[in-house]
């Protein structure tokens, strides 16, 4: 697998995975709120749009050139 492909997978999959699965056990022990929402819920729900952002960044940087010549519709 090429280095470019691995970088795309890292940004699009590994970063969100580590941010949810790796960090949640540590912040679950914290007892404070952000905007009135417990930090654990805030963290998990914050990563819904951030995961989409990571996938978008990964596609724009690493995969967009593969679809440049295709026409929509």
Protein backbone atom coordinates (compact mmCIF):
# COMPACT_ATOMS: atom_id res chain seq x y z
CA UNK A 1 0.00 0.00 0.00
CA UNK A 2 1.34 3.41 -0.90
CA UNK A 3 2.30 6.03 1.62
CA UNK A 4 -0.31 8.40 0.18
CA UNK A 5 -3.07 5.83 0.67
CA UNK A 6 -1.97 5.18 4.27
CA UNK A 7 -2.01 8.91 5.04
CA UNK A 8 -5.57 9.16 3.71
CA UNK A 9 -6.67 6.21 5.83
CA UNK A 10 -4.97 7.72 8.87
CA UNK A 11 -6.76 11.06 8.52
CA UNK A 12 -10.13 9.60 7.54
CA UNK A 13 -10.34 6.59 9.85
CA UNK A 14 -7.61 6.34 12.48
CA UNK A 15 -7.90 9.85 13.92
CA UNK A 16 -11.69 9.60 14.50
CA UNK A 17 -11.33 6.03 15.83
CA UNK A 18 -8.66 7.00 18.36
CA UNK A 19 -10.60 10.13 19.32
CA UNK A 20 -13.67 8.10 20.22
CA UNK A 21 -12.46 4.68 21.33
CA UNK A 22 -9.13 5.79 22.78
CA UNK A 23 -10.15 8.97 24.59
CA UNK A 24 -13.65 8.15 25.87
CA UNK A 25 -12.48 5.96 28.80
CA UNK A 26 -10.36 8.84 30.08
CA UNK A 27 -12.94 11.59 29.79
CA UNK A 28 -15.69 9.37 31.17
CA UNK A 29 -14.06 9.83 34.58
CA UNK A 30 -14.31 13.62 34.39
CA UNK A 31 -17.22 15.28 36.14
CA UNK A 32 -17.88 18.61 34.46
CA UNK A 33 -20.10 20.05 31.76
CA UNK A 34 -19.67 22.04 28.56
CA UNK A 35 -22.64 24.28 27.80
CA UNK A 36 -24.66 22.28 30.33
CA UNK A 37 -23.91 18.95 28.62
CA UNK A 38 -21.79 16.32 30.37
CA UNK A 39 -18.30 16.22 28.83
CA UNK A 40 -18.63 12.60 27.69
CA UNK A 41 -21.77 13.30 25.63
CA UNK A 42 -20.33 16.54 24.33
CA UNK A 43 -17.13 14.75 23.20
CA UNK A 44 -18.94 11.90 21.43
CA UNK A 45 -21.48 14.16 19.69
CA UNK A 46 -18.76 16.64 18.73
CA UNK A 47 -17.00 13.84 16.84
CA UNK A 48 -19.99 13.18 14.55
CA UNK A 49 -19.30 16.28 12.43
CA UNK A 50 -15.55 16.09 13.03
CA UNK A 51 -15.45 12.57 11.57
CA UNK A 52 -17.20 13.86 8.48
CA UNK A 53 -14.69 16.69 8.33
CA UNK A 54 -11.78 14.22 8.57
CA UNK A 55 -13.26 12.14 5.74
CA UNK A 56 -13.76 15.26 3.63
CA UNK A 57 -10.18 16.41 4.21
CA UNK A 58 -8.86 12.97 3.38
CA UNK A 59 -10.85 12.84 0.15
CA UNK A 60 -9.86 16.34 -0.96
CA UNK A 61 -6.17 15.81 -0.31
CA UNK A 62 -5.68 12.21 -1.40
CA UNK A 63 -8.54 10.94 -3.58
CA UNK A 64 -10.09 13.86 -5.43
CA UNK A 65 -7.63 13.64 -8.31
CA UNK A 66 -9.01 10.19 -9.21
CA UNK A 67 -12.45 11.67 -9.94
CA UNK A 68 -11.34 14.90 -11.62
CA UNK A 69 -12.23 13.79 -15.17
CA UNK A 70 -15.64 12.30 -14.32
CA UNK A 71 -18.69 14.45 -15.06
CA UNK A 72 -21.62 14.72 -12.66
CA UNK A 73 -25.06 13.72 -13.87
